[in-house]
Amino acid sequence: DLHLEKAYEMLCQSLAWRRHHHIDNILEIWKPPEPLLD
């Protein structure tokens, strides 16, 4: 709701999550398991 501090806190946590799980290149490095594809 445009609250600056809350948005900043939420964003920082998300950026840390992205770094930890290598989200930026997930489309290149991750392939779904066969049951999901089939």
Full PDB file with SEQRES, HELIX, SHEET, SSBOND, CRYST1, ORIGX, SCALE, CONECT and MASTER records, all heavy atoms in Angstrom:
SEQRES   1 A   38  ASP LEU HIS LEU GLU LYS ALA TYR GLU MET LEU CYS GLN          
SEQRES   2 A   38  SER LEU ALA TRP ARG ARG HIS HIS HIS ILE ASP ASN ILE          
SEQRES   3 A   38  LEU GLU ILE TRP LYS PRO PRO GLU PRO LEU LEU ASP              
HELIX    1 AA1 LEU A    4  HIS A   21  1                                  18    
HELIX    2 AA2 ILE A   23  ASN A   25  5                                   3    
HELIX    3 AA3 ILE A   26  ILE A   29  1                                   4    
HELIX    4 AA4 GLU A   34  LEU A   37  1                                   4    
CRYST1    1.000    1.000    1.000  90.00  90.00  90.00 P 1           1          
ORIGX1      1.000000  0.000000  0.000000        0.00000                         
ORIGX2      0.000000  1.000000  0.000000        0.00000                         
ORIGX3      0.000000  0.000000  1.000000        0.00000                         
SCALE1      1.000000  0.000000  0.000000        0.00000                         
SCALE2      0.000000  1.000000  0.000000        0.00000                         
SCALE3      0.000000  0.000000  1.000000        0.00000                         
ATOM      1  N   ASP A   1       0.818  -1.220   0.000  1.00  0.00           N  
ATOM      2  CA  ASP A   1       0.000   0.000   0.000  1.00  0.00           C  
ATOM      3  C   ASP A   1       0.846   1.262   0.000  1.00  0.00           C  
ATOM      4  O   ASP A   1       0.533   2.249   0.681  1.00  0.00           O  
ATOM      5  CB  ASP A   1      -0.963   0.009   1.194  1.00  0.00           C  
ATOM      6  CG  ASP A   1      -1.960  -1.127   1.121  1.00  0.00           C  
ATOM      7  OD1 ASP A   1      -2.410  -1.446   0.004  1.00  0.00           O  
ATOM      8  OD2 ASP A   1      -2.274  -1.709   2.178  1.00  0.00           O  
ATOM      9  N   LEU A   2       1.951   1.224  -0.759  1.00  0.00           N  
ATOM     10  CA  LEU A   2       2.869   2.354  -0.951  1.00  0.00           C  
ATOM     11  C   LEU A   2       3.589   2.773   0.324  1.00  0.00           C  
ATOM     12  O   LEU A   2       4.126   3.878   0.411  1.00  0.00           O  
ATOM     13  CB  LEU A   2       2.132   3.557  -1.559  1.00  0.00           C  
ATOM     14  CG  LEU A   2       1.415   3.310  -2.881  1.00  0.00           C  
ATOM     15  CD1 LEU A   2       0.789   4.603  -3.383  1.00  0.00           C  
ATOM     16  CD2 LEU A   2       2.362   2.736  -3.930  1.00  0.00           C  
ATOM     17  N   HIS A   3       3.602   1.900   1.324  1.00  0.00           N  
ATOM     18  CA  HIS A   3       4.351   2.185   2.554  1.00  0.00           C  
ATOM     19  C   HIS A   3       5.830   1.896   2.279  1.00  0.00           C  
ATOM     20  O   HIS A   3       6.223   0.749   2.050  1.00  0.00           O  
ATOM     21  CB  HIS A   3       3.835   1.312   3.694  1.00  0.00           C  
ATOM     22  CG  HIS A   3       4.359   1.706   5.043  1.00  0.00           C  
ATOM     23  ND1 HIS A   3       5.671   1.486   5.419  1.00  0.00           N  
ATOM     24  CD2 HIS A   3       3.759   2.308   6.102  1.00  0.00           C  
ATOM     25  CE1 HIS A   3       5.850   1.922   6.653  1.00  0.00           C  
ATOM     26  NE2 HIS A   3       4.712   2.433   7.088  1.00  0.00           N  
ATOM     27  N   LEU A   4       6.647   2.927   2.322  1.00  0.00           N  
ATOM     28  CA  LEU A   4       8.034   2.822   1.876  1.00  0.00           C  
ATOM     29  C   LEU A   4       8.831   1.816   2.705  1.00  0.00           C  
ATOM     30  O   LEU A   4       9.511   0.944   2.148  1.00  0.00           O  
ATOM     31  CB  LEU A   4       8.696   4.206   1.929  1.00  0.00           C  
ATOM     32  CG  LEU A   4      10.151   4.268   1.453  1.00  0.00           C  
ATOM     33  CD1 LEU A   4      10.261   3.855  -0.002  1.00  0.00           C  
ATOM     34  CD2 LEU A   4      10.716   5.673   1.658  1.00  0.00           C  
ATOM     35  N   GLU A   5       8.786   1.919   4.027  1.00  0.00           N  
ATOM     36  CA  GLU A   5       9.609   1.053   4.876  1.00  0.00           C  
ATOM     37  C   GLU A   5       9.190  -0.413   4.749  1.00  0.00           C  
ATOM     38  O   GLU A   5      10.034  -1.310   4.683  1.00  0.00           O  
ATOM     39  CB  GLU A   5       9.511   1.509   6.336  1.00  0.00           C  
ATOM     40  CG  GLU A   5      10.134   2.871   6.601  1.00  0.00           C  
ATOM     41  CD  GLU A   5      11.617   2.898   6.264  1.00  0.00           C  
ATOM     42  OE1 GLU A   5      12.293   1.857   6.432  1.00  0.00           O  
ATOM     43  OE2 GLU A   5      12.107   3.958   5.838  1.00  0.00           O  
ATOM     44  N   LYS A   6       7.884  -0.669   4.698  1.00  0.00           N  
ATOM     45  CA  LYS A   6       7.412  -2.046   4.575  1.00  0.00           C  
ATOM     46  C   LYS A   6       7.793  -2.636   3.218  1.00  0.00           C  
ATOM     47  O   LYS A   6       8.188  -3.803   3.127  1.00  0.00           O  
ATOM     48  CB  LYS A   6       5.899  -2.104   4.774  1.00  0.00           C  
ATOM     49  CG  LYS A   6       5.450  -1.790   6.188  1.00  0.00           C  
ATOM     50  CD  LYS A   6       3.932  -1.869   6.314  1.00  0.00           C  
ATOM     51  CE  LYS A   6       3.486  -1.552   7.732  1.00  0.00           C  
ATOM     52  NZ  LYS A   6       1.998  -1.608   7.864  1.00  0.00           N  
ATOM     53  N   ALA A   7       7.665  -1.831   2.172  1.00  0.00           N  
ATOM     54  CA  ALA A   7       8.041  -2.309   0.843  1.00  0.00           C  
ATOM     55  C   ALA A   7       9.546  -2.574   0.773  1.00  0.00           C  
ATOM     56  O   ALA A   7       9.985  -3.565   0.167  1.00  0.00           O  
ATOM     57  CB  ALA A   7       7.632  -1.286  -0.217  1.00  0.00           C  
ATOM     58  N   TYR A   8      10.337  -1.707   1.396  1.00  0.00           N  
ATOM     59  CA  TYR A   8      11.791  -1.881   1.389  1.00  0.00           C  
ATOM     60  C   TYR A   8      12.188  -3.167   2.112  1.00  0.00           C  
ATOM     61  O   TYR A   8      13.031  -3.938   1.626  1.00  0.00           O  
ATOM     62  CB  TYR A   8      12.441  -0.672   2.055  1.00  0.00           C  
ATOM     63  CG  TYR A   8      13.941  -0.786   2.222  1.00  0.00           C  
ATOM     64  CD1 TYR A   8      14.787  -0.669   1.127  1.00  0.00           C  
ATOM     65  CD2 TYR A   8      14.503  -1.015   3.476  1.00  0.00           C  
ATOM     66  CE1 TYR A   8      16.170  -0.779   1.272  1.00  0.00           C  
ATOM     67  CE2 TYR A   8      15.874  -1.129   3.637  1.00  0.00           C  
ATOM     68  CZ  TYR A   8      16.698  -1.008   2.539  1.00  0.00           C  
ATOM     69  OH  TYR A   8      18.049  -1.127   2.685  1.00  0.00           O  
ATOM     70  N   GLU A   9      11.585  -3.414   3.264  1.00  0.00           N  
ATOM     71  CA  GLU A   9      11.889  -4.637   4.023  1.00  0.00           C  
ATOM     72  C   GLU A   9      11.501  -5.882   3.228  1.00  0.00           C  
ATOM     73  O   GLU A   9      12.263  -6.855   3.145  1.00  0.00           O  
ATOM     74  CB  GLU A   9      11.140  -4.613   5.360  1.00  0.00           C  
ATOM     75  CG  GLU A   9      11.390  -5.843   6.216  1.00  0.00           C  
ATOM     76  CD  GLU A   9      10.609  -5.812   7.520  1.00  0.00           C  
ATOM     77  OE1 GLU A   9       9.891  -4.819   7.762  1.00  0.00           O  
ATOM     78  OE2 GLU A   9      10.706  -6.785   8.291  1.00  0.00           O  
ATOM     79  N   MET A  10      10.318  -5.848   2.637  1.00  0.00           N  
ATOM     80  CA  MET A  10       9.855  -6.982   1.834  1.00  0.00           C  
ATOM     81  C   MET A  10      10.782  -7.224   0.640  1.00  0.00           C  
ATOM     82  O   MET A  10      11.130  -8.366   0.313  1.00  0.00           O  
ATOM     83  CB  MET A  10       8.427  -6.701   1.354  1.00  0.00           C  
ATOM     84  CG  MET A  10       7.806  -7.785   0.517  1.00  0.00           C  
ATOM     85  SD  MET A  10       6.160  -7.277  -0.063  1.00  0.00           S  
ATOM     86  CE  MET A  10       5.655  -8.754  -0.956  1.00  0.00           C  
ATOM     87  N   LEU A  11      11.205  -6.150  -0.003  1.00  0.00           N  
ATOM     88  CA  LEU A  11      12.059  -6.253  -1.175  1.00  0.00           C  
ATOM     89  C   LEU A  11      13.438  -6.800  -0.812  1.00  0.00           C  
ATOM     90  O   LEU A  11      13.983  -7.658  -1.528  1.00  0.00           O  
ATOM     91  CB  LEU A  11      12.187  -4.883  -1.839  1.00  0.00           C  
ATOM     92  CG  LEU A  11      13.049  -4.800  -3.097  1.00  0.00           C  
ATOM     93  CD1 LEU A  11      12.513  -5.713  -4.192  1.00  0.00           C  
ATOM     94  CD2 LEU A  11      13.102  -3.365  -3.594  1.00  0.00           C  
ATOM     95  N   CYS A  12      14.011  -6.335   0.280  1.00  0.00           N  
ATOM     96  CA  CYS A  12      15.331  -6.815   0.693  1.00  0.00           C  
ATOM     97  C   CYS A  12      15.306  -8.306   0.997  1.00  0.00           C  
ATOM     98  O   CYS A  12      16.234  -9.046   0.650  1.00  0.00           O  
ATOM     99  CB  CYS A  12      15.822  -6.030   1.912  1.00  0.00           C  
ATOM    100  SG  CYS A  12      16.312  -4.335   1.543  1.00  0.00           S  
ATOM    101  N   GLN A  13      14.251  -8.765   1.657  1.00  0.00           N  
ATOM    102  CA  GLN A  13      14.121 -10.195   1.947  1.00  0.00           C  
ATOM    103  C   GLN A  13      14.002 -10.998   0.660  1.00  0.00           C  
ATOM    104  O   GLN A  13      14.582 -12.085   0.534  1.00  0.00           O  
ATOM    105  CB  GLN A  13      12.909 -10.438   2.847  1.00  0.00           C  
ATOM    106  CG  GLN A  13      13.074  -9.886   4.249  1.00  0.00           C  
ATOM    107  CD  GLN A  13      11.812 -10.017   5.082  1.00  0.00           C  
ATOM    108  OE1 GLN A  13      10.755 -10.419   4.585  1.00  0.00           O  
ATOM    109  NE2 GLN A  13      11.902  -9.678   6.359  1.00  0.00           N  
ATOM    110  N   SER A  14      13.273 -10.454  -0.312  1.00  0.00           N  
ATOM    111  CA  SER A  14      13.121 -11.153  -1.584  1.00  0.00           C  
ATOM    112  C   SER A  14      14.440 -11.191  -2.353  1.00  0.00           C  
ATOM    113  O   SER A  14      14.784 -12.214  -2.969  1.00  0.00           O  
ATOM    114  CB  SER A  14      12.041 -10.472  -2.433  1.00  0.00           C  
ATOM    115  OG  SER A  14      11.888 -11.122  -3.675  1.00  0.00           O  
ATOM    116  N   LEU A  15      15.197 -10.104  -2.337  1.00  0.00           N  
ATOM    117  CA  LEU A  15      16.485 -10.088  -3.025  1.00  0.00           C  
ATOM    118  C   LEU A  15      17.451 -11.097  -2.411  1.00  0.00           C  
ATOM    119  O   LEU A  15      18.213 -11.766  -3.131  1.00  0.00           O  
ATOM    120  CB  LEU A  15      17.085  -8.681  -2.974  1.00  0.00           C  
ATOM    121  CG  LEU A  15      16.375  -7.615  -3.821  1.00  0.00           C  
ATOM    122  CD1 LEU A  15      16.979  -6.243  -3.568  1.00  0.00           C  
ATOM    123  CD2 LEU A  15      16.436  -7.960  -5.296  1.00  0.00           C  
ATOM    124  N   ALA A  16      17.420 -11.205  -1.078  1.00  0.00           N  
ATOM    125  CA  ALA A  16      18.262 -12.204  -0.415  1.00  0.00           C  
ATOM    126  C   ALA A  16      17.835 -13.615  -0.814  1.00  0.00           C  
ATOM    127  O   ALA A  16      18.678 -14.493  -1.038  1.00  0.00           O  
ATOM    128  CB  ALA A  16      18.186 -12.026   1.102  1.00  0.00           C  
ATOM    129  N   TRP A  17      16.532 -13.828  -0.894  1.00  0.00           N  
ATOM    130  CA  TRP A  17      16.006 -15.138  -1.327  1.00  0.00           C  
ATOM    131  C   TRP A  17      16.448 -15.445  -2.747  1.00  0.00           C  
ATOM    132  O   TRP A  17      16.849 -16.575  -3.054  1.00  0.00           O  
ATOM    133  CB  TRP A  17      14.488 -15.103  -1.216  1.00  0.00           C  
ATOM    134  CG  TRP A  17      13.776 -16.276  -1.819  1.00  0.00           C  
ATOM    135  CD1 TRP A  17      13.586 -17.508  -1.267  1.00  0.00           C  
ATOM    136  CD2 TRP A  17      13.142 -16.323  -3.112  1.00  0.00           C  
ATOM    137  NE1 TRP A  17      12.885 -18.321  -2.115  1.00  0.00           N  
ATOM    138  CE2 TRP A  17      12.594 -17.627  -3.259  1.00  0.00           C  
ATOM    139  CE3 TRP A  17      12.991 -15.402  -4.147  1.00  0.00           C  
ATOM    140  CZ2 TRP A  17      11.903 -18.005  -4.403  1.00  0.00           C  
ATOM    141  CZ3 TRP A  17      12.301 -15.775  -5.284  1.00  0.00           C  
ATOM    142  CH2 TRP A  17      11.767 -17.066  -5.408  1.00  0.00           C  
ATOM    143  N   ARG A  18      16.423 -14.476  -3.627  1.00  0.00           N  
ATOM    144  CA  ARG A  18      16.832 -14.682  -5.015  1.00  0.00           C  
ATOM    145  C   ARG A  18      18.316 -15.058  -5.095  1.00  0.00           C  
ATOM    146  O   ARG A  18      18.700 -15.961  -5.843  1.00  0.00           O  
ATOM    147  CB  ARG A  18      16.567 -13.427  -5.849  1.00  0.00           C  
ATOM    148  CG  ARG A  18      15.112 -13.052  -5.999  1.00  0.00           C  
ATOM    149  CD  ARG A  18      14.955 -11.863  -6.956  1.00  0.00           C  
ATOM    150  NE  ARG A  18      15.303 -12.263  -8.309  1.00  0.00           N  
ATOM    151  CZ  ARG A  18      14.436 -12.756  -9.194  1.00  0.00           C  
ATOM    152  NH1 ARG A  18      13.166 -12.914  -8.856  1.00  0.00           N  
ATOM    153  NH2 ARG A  18      14.834 -13.091 -10.407  1.00  0.00           N  
ATOM    154  N   ARG A  19      19.135 -14.367  -4.322  1.00  0.00           N  
ATOM    155  CA  ARG A  19      20.564 -14.683  -4.342  1.00  0.00           C  
ATOM    156  C   ARG A  19      20.829 -16.086  -3.801  1.00  0.00           C  
ATOM    157  O   ARG A  19      21.613 -16.843  -4.374  1.00  0.00           O  
ATOM    158  CB  ARG A  19      21.341 -13.648  -3.522  1.00  0.00           C  
ATOM    159  CG  ARG A  19      21.436 -12.271  -4.161  1.00  0.00           C  
ATOM    160  CD  ARG A  19      22.479 -11.427  -3.464  1.00  0.00           C  
ATOM    161  NE  ARG A  19      22.169 -11.266  -2.045  1.00  0.00           N  
ATOM    162  CZ  ARG A  19      21.432 -10.262  -1.551  1.00  0.00           C  
ATOM    163  NH1 ARG A  19      20.924  -9.341  -2.369  1.00  0.00           N  
ATOM    164  NH2 ARG A  19      21.204 -10.171  -0.260  1.00  0.00           N  
ATOM    165  N   HIS A  20      20.166 -16.418  -2.712  1.00  0.00           N  
ATOM    166  CA  HIS A  20      20.413 -17.708  -2.047  1.00  0.00           C  
ATOM    167  C   HIS A  20      20.019 -18.881  -2.941  1.00  0.00           C  
ATOM    168  O   HIS A  20      20.692 -19.923  -2.947  1.00  0.00           O  
ATOM    169  CB  HIS A  20      19.637 -17.763  -0.732  1.00  0.00           C  
ATOM    170  CG  HIS A  20      19.809 -19.048   0.026  1.00  0.00           C  
ATOM    171  ND1 HIS A  20      20.983 -19.370   0.667  1.00  0.00           N  
ATOM    172  CD2 HIS A  20      18.959 -20.094   0.229  1.00  0.00           C  
ATOM    173  CE1 HIS A  20      20.854 -20.565   1.241  1.00  0.00           C  
ATOM    174  NE2 HIS A  20      19.640 -21.021   0.989  1.00  0.00           N  
ATOM    175  N   HIS A  21      18.927 -18.724  -3.702  1.00  0.00           N  
ATOM    176  CA  HIS A  21      18.424 -19.829  -4.521  1.00  0.00           C  
ATOM    177  C   HIS A  21      18.779 -19.681  -6.002  1.00  0.00           C  
ATOM    178  O   HIS A  21      18.268 -20.450  -6.823  1.00  0.00           O  
ATOM    179  CB  HIS A  21      16.905 -19.938  -4.353  1.00  0.00           C  
ATOM    180  CG  HIS A  21      16.468 -20.296  -2.965  1.00  0.00           C  
ATOM    181  ND1 HIS A  21      16.589 -21.562  -2.452  1.00  0.00           N  
ATOM    182  CD2 HIS A  21      15.914 -19.539  -1.980  1.00  0.00           C  
ATOM    183  CE1 HIS A  21      16.130 -21.582  -1.212  1.00  0.00           C  
ATOM    184  NE2 HIS A  21      15.715 -20.369  -0.895  1.00  0.00           N  
ATOM    185  N   HIS A  22      19.632 -18.706  -6.343  1.00  0.00           N  
ATOM    186  CA  HIS A  22      20.091 -18.521  -7.724  1.00  0.00           C  
ATOM    187  C   HIS A  22      18.904 -18.391  -8.688  1.00  0.00           C  
ATOM    188  O   HIS A  22      18.847 -19.043  -9.735  1.00  0.00           O  
ATOM    189  CB  HIS A  22      20.985 -19.689  -8.148  1.00  0.00           C  
ATOM    190  CG  HIS A  22      22.104 -19.979  -7.195  1.00  0.00           C  
ATOM    191  ND1 HIS A  22      23.202 -19.140  -7.050  1.00  0.00           N  
ATOM    192  CD2 HIS A  22      22.280 -20.992  -6.295  1.00  0.00           C  
ATOM    193  CE1 HIS A  22      24.017 -19.636  -6.135  1.00  0.00           C  
ATOM    194  NE2 HIS A  22      23.486 -20.745  -5.654  1.00  0.00           N  
ATOM    195  N   ILE A  23      17.980 -17.525  -8.334  1.00  0.00           N  
ATOM    196  CA  ILE A  23      16.750 -17.391  -9.110  1.00  0.00           C  
ATOM    197  C   ILE A  23      16.990 -16.725 -10.459  1.00  0.00           C  
ATOM    198  O   ILE A  23      16.310 -17.028 -11.438  1.00  0.00           O  
ATOM    199  CB  ILE A  23      15.696 -16.588  -8.306  1.00  0.00           C  
ATOM    200  CG1 ILE A  23      15.437 -17.262  -6.953  1.00  0.00           C  
ATOM    201  CG2 ILE A  23      14.401 -16.457  -9.086  1.00  0.00           C  
ATOM    202  CD1 ILE A  23      14.906 -18.674  -7.051  1.00  0.00           C  
ATOM    203  N   ASP A  24      17.986 -15.845 -10.533  1.00  0.00           N  
ATOM    204  CA  ASP A  24      18.181 -15.070 -11.761  1.00  0.00           C  
ATOM    205  C   ASP A  24      18.404 -15.942 -12.999  1.00  0.00           C  
ATOM    206  O   ASP A  24      18.020 -15.562 -14.105  1.00  0.00           O  
ATOM    207  CB  ASP A  24      19.365 -14.112 -11.603  1.00  0.00           C  
ATOM    208  CG  ASP A  24      19.053 -12.993 -10.626  1.00  0.00           C  
ATOM    209  OD1 ASP A  24      17.874 -12.835 -10.288  1.00  0.00           O  
ATOM    210  OD2 ASP A  24      19.994 -12.295 -10.204  1.00  0.00           O  
ATOM    211  N   ASN A  25      19.003 -17.105 -12.808  1.00  0.00           N  
ATOM    212  CA  ASN A  25      19.268 -17.965 -13.968  1.00  0.00           C  
ATOM    213  C   ASN A  25      18.568 -19.313 -13.868  1.00  0.00           C  
ATOM    214  O   ASN A  25      19.014 -20.293 -14.450  1.00  0.00           O  
ATOM    215  CB  ASN A  25      20.777 -18.161 -14.143  1.00  0.00           C  
ATOM    216  CG  ASN A  25      21.434 -18.724 -12.894  1.00  0.00           C  
ATOM    217  OD1 ASN A  25      20.806 -18.873 -11.852  1.00  0.00           O  
ATOM    218  ND2 ASN A  25      22.710 -19.033 -12.991  1.00  0.00           N  
ATOM    219  N   ILE A  26      17.476 -19.377 -13.128  1.00  0.00           N  
ATOM    220  CA  ILE A  26      16.781 -20.652 -12.938  1.00  0.00           C  
ATOM    221  C   ILE A  26      16.224 -21.193 -14.250  1.00  0.00           C  
ATOM    222  O   ILE A  26      16.150 -22.405 -14.455  1.00  0.00           O  
ATOM    223  CB  ILE A  26      15.658 -20.517 -11.880  1.00  0.00           C  
ATOM    224  CG1 ILE A  26      15.135 -21.912 -11.513  1.00  0.00           C  
ATOM    225  CG2 ILE A  26      14.537 -19.621 -12.372  1.00  0.00           C  
ATOM    226  CD1 ILE A  26      14.188 -21.905 -10.338  1.00  0.00           C  
ATOM    227  N   LEU A  27      15.827 -20.302 -15.158  1.00  0.00           N  
ATOM    228  CA  LEU A  27      15.267 -20.768 -16.424  1.00  0.00           C  
ATOM    229  C   LEU A  27      16.319 -21.473 -17.280  1.00  0.00           C  
ATOM    230  O   LEU A  27      15.969 -22.286 -18.150  1.00  0.00           O  
ATOM    231  CB  LEU A  27      14.662 -19.595 -17.202  1.00  0.00           C  
ATOM    232  CG  LEU A  27      13.435 -18.940 -16.574  1.00  0.00           C  
ATOM    233  CD1 LEU A  27      12.971 -17.765 -17.427  1.00  0.00           C  
ATOM    234  CD2 LEU A  27      12.309 -19.948 -16.396  1.00  0.00           C  
ATOM    235  N   GLU A  28      17.597 -21.165 -17.033  1.00  0.00           N  
ATOM    236  CA  GLU A  28      18.661 -21.798 -17.802  1.00  0.00           C  
ATOM    237  C   GLU A  28      19.198 -23.049 -17.125  1.00  0.00           C  
ATOM    238  O   GLU A  28      19.598 -24.006 -17.803  1.00  0.00           O  
ATOM    239  CB  GLU A  28      19.815 -20.809 -18.021  1.00  0.00           C  
ATOM    240  CG  GLU A  28      19.513 -19.683 -18.995  1.00  0.00           C  
ATOM    241  CD  GLU A  28      18.610 -18.605 -18.406  1.00  0.00           C  
ATOM    242  OE1 GLU A  28      18.731 -18.368 -17.188  1.00  0.00           O  
ATOM    243  OE2 GLU A  28      17.805 -18.022 -19.149  1.00  0.00           O  
ATOM    244  N   ILE A  29      19.199 -23.086 -15.795  1.00  0.00           N  
ATOM    245  CA  ILE A  29      19.885 -24.186 -15.107  1.00  0.00           C  
ATOM    246  C   ILE A  29      18.952 -25.258 -14.576  1.00  0.00           C  
ATOM    247  O   ILE A  29      19.405 -26.351 -14.232  1.00  0.00           O  
ATOM    248  CB  ILE A  29      20.746 -23.638 -13.940  1.00  0.00           C  
ATOM    249  CG1 ILE A  29      19.844 -23.033 -12.849  1.00  0.00           C  
ATOM    250  CG2 ILE A  29      21.762 -22.622 -14.433  1.00  0.00           C  
ATOM    251  CD1 ILE A  29      20.599 -22.581 -11.612  1.00  0.00           C  
ATOM    252  N   TRP A  30      17.644 -24.975 -14.479  1.00  0.00           N  
ATOM    253  CA  TRP A  30      16.736 -25.968 -13.884  1.00  0.00           C  
ATOM    254  C   TRP A  30      15.834 -26.587 -14.943  1.00  0.00           C  
ATOM    255  O   TRP A  30      15.264 -25.875 -15.775  1.00  0.00           O  
ATOM    256  CB  TRP A  30      15.872 -25.328 -12.792  1.00  0.00           C  
ATOM    257  CG  TRP A  30      14.952 -26.326 -12.135  1.00  0.00           C  
ATOM    258  CD1 TRP A  30      15.285 -27.245 -11.184  1.00  0.00           C  
ATOM    259  CD2 TRP A  30      13.559 -26.495 -12.384  1.00  0.00           C  
ATOM    260  NE1 TRP A  30      14.182 -27.979 -10.842  1.00  0.00           N  
ATOM    261  CE2 TRP A  30      13.103 -27.548 -11.560  1.00  0.00           C  
ATOM    262  CE3 TRP A  30      12.650 -25.870 -13.235  1.00  0.00           C  
ATOM    263  CZ2 TRP A  30      11.787 -27.982 -11.551  1.00  0.00           C  
ATOM    264  CZ3 TRP A  30      11.334 -26.307 -13.236  1.00  0.00           C  
ATOM    265  CH2 TRP A  30      10.911 -27.342 -12.399  1.00  0.00           C  
ATOM    266  N   LYS A  31      15.697 -27.885 -14.885  1.00  0.00           N  
ATOM    267  CA  LYS A  31      14.790 -28.607 -15.761  1.00  0.00           C  
ATOM    268  C   LYS A  31      13.784 -29.369 -14.904  1.00  0.00           C  
ATOM    269  O   LYS A  31      14.172 -30.041 -13.945  1.00  0.00           O  
ATOM    270  CB  LYS A  31      15.554 -29.594 -16.656  1.00  0.00           C  
ATOM    271  CG  LYS A  31      16.606 -28.938 -17.543  1.00  0.00           C  
ATOM    272  CD  LYS A  31      15.976 -27.903 -18.481  1.00  0.00           C  
ATOM    273  CE  LYS A  31      17.032 -27.246 -19.362  1.00  0.00           C  
ATOM    274  NZ  LYS A  31      16.438 -26.157 -20.207  1.00  0.00           N  
ATOM    275  N   PRO A  32      12.495 -29.281 -15.233  1.00  0.00           N  
ATOM    276  CA  PRO A  32      11.476 -29.951 -14.409  1.00  0.00           C  
ATOM    277  C   PRO A  32      11.606 -31.464 -14.483  1.00  0.00           C  
ATOM    278  O   PRO A  32      12.013 -32.009 -15.508  1.00  0.00           O  
ATOM    279  CB  PRO A  32      10.155 -29.469 -15.027  1.00  0.00           C  
ATOM    280  CG  PRO A  32      10.505 -29.065 -16.415  1.00  0.00           C  
ATOM    281  CD  PRO A  32      11.903 -28.555 -16.364  1.00  0.00           C  
ATOM    282  N   PRO A  33      11.274 -32.176 -13.390  1.00  0.00           N  
ATOM    283  CA  PRO A  33      11.320 -33.644 -13.403  1.00  0.00           C  
ATOM    284  C   PRO A  33      10.301 -34.221 -14.379  1.00  0.00           C  
ATOM    285  O   PRO A  33       9.314 -33.564 -14.724  1.00  0.00           O  
ATOM    286  CB  PRO A  33      11.003 -34.016 -11.952  1.00  0.00           C  
ATOM    287  CG  PRO A  33      10.281 -32.838 -11.400  1.00  0.00           C  
ATOM    288  CD  PRO A  33      10.839 -31.640 -12.096  1.00  0.00           C  
ATOM    289  N   GLU A  34      10.532 -35.445 -14.789  1.00  0.00           N  
ATOM    290  CA  GLU A  34       9.688 -36.085 -15.790  1.00  0.00           C  
ATOM    291  C   GLU A  34       8.203 -36.110 -15.420  1.00  0.00           C  
ATOM    292  O   GLU A  34       7.350 -35.851 -16.273  1.00  0.00           O  
ATOM    293  CB  GLU A  34      10.192 -37.503 -16.064  1.00  0.00           C  
ATOM    294  CG  GLU A  34      11.521 -37.545 -16.800  1.00  0.00           C  
ATOM    295  CD  GLU A  34      11.432 -36.888 -18.173  1.00  0.00           C  
ATOM    296  OE1 GLU A  34      10.377 -37.017 -18.834  1.00  0.00           O  
ATOM    297  OE2 GLU A  34      12.401 -36.234 -18.584  1.00  0.00           O  
ATOM    298  N   PRO A  35       7.843 -36.451 -14.165  1.00  0.00           N  
ATOM    299  CA  PRO A  35       6.405 -36.470 -13.844  1.00  0.00           C  
ATOM    300  C   PRO A  35       5.711 -35.137 -14.090  1.00  0.00           C  
ATOM    301  O   PRO A  35       4.561 -35.093 -14.519  1.00  0.00           O  
ATOM    302  CB  PRO A  35       6.385 -36.842 -12.349  1.00  0.00           C  
ATOM    303  CG  PRO A  35       7.646 -37.614 -12.150  1.00  0.00           C  
ATOM    304  CD  PRO A  35       8.660 -36.952 -13.040  1.00  0.00           C  
ATOM    305  N   LEU A  36       6.425 -34.033 -13.832  1.00  0.00           N  
ATOM    306  CA  LEU A  36       5.825 -32.725 -14.085  1.00  0.00           C  
ATOM    307  C   LEU A  36       5.624 -32.495 -15.578  1.00  0.00           C  
ATOM    308  O   LEU A  36       4.600 -31.971 -16.016  1.00  0.00           O  
ATOM    309  CB  LEU A  36       6.706 -31.615 -13.502  1.00  0.00           C  
ATOM    310  CG  LEU A  36       6.589 -31.350 -12.001  1.00  0.00           C  
ATOM    311  CD1 LEU A  36       7.598 -30.311 -11.572  1.00  0.00           C  
ATOM    312  CD2 LEU A  36       5.190 -30.909 -11.627  1.00  0.00           C  
ATOM    313  N   LEU A  37       6.597 -32.907 -16.368  1.00  0.00           N  
ATOM    314  CA  LEU A  37       6.489 -32.719 -17.812  1.00  0.00           C  
ATOM    315  C   LEU A  37       5.392 -33.592 -18.415  1.00  0.00           C  
ATOM    316  O   LEU A  37       4.663 -33.176 -19.319  1.00  0.00           O  
ATOM    317  CB  LEU A  37       7.827 -33.051 -18.482  1.00  0.00           C  
ATOM    318  CG  LEU A  37       8.984 -32.075 -18.228  1.00  0.00           C  
ATOM    319  CD1 LEU A  37      10.267 -32.620 -18.830  1.00  0.00           C  
ATOM    320  CD2 LEU A  37       8.675 -30.703 -18.792  1.00  0.00           C  
ATOM    321  N   ASP A  38       5.263 -34.809 -17.897  1.00  0.00           N  
ATOM    322  CA  ASP A  38       4.347 -35.778 -18.500  1.00  0.00           C  
ATOM    323  C   ASP A  38       2.916 -35.662 -18.007  1.00  0.00           C  
ATOM    324  O   ASP A  38       1.976 -35.974 -18.743  1.00  0.00           O  
ATOM    325  CB  ASP A  38       4.849 -37.199 -18.240  1.00  0.00           C  
ATOM    326  CG  ASP A  38       6.167 -37.470 -18.951  1.00  0.00           C  
ATOM    327  OD1 ASP A  38       6.461 -36.746 -19.927  1.00  0.00           O  
ATOM    328  OD2 ASP A  38       6.892 -38.386 -18.531  1.00  0.00           O  
TER     329      ASP A  38                                                      
MASTER        0    0    0    4    0    0    0    6  328    1    0    3          
END                                                                             
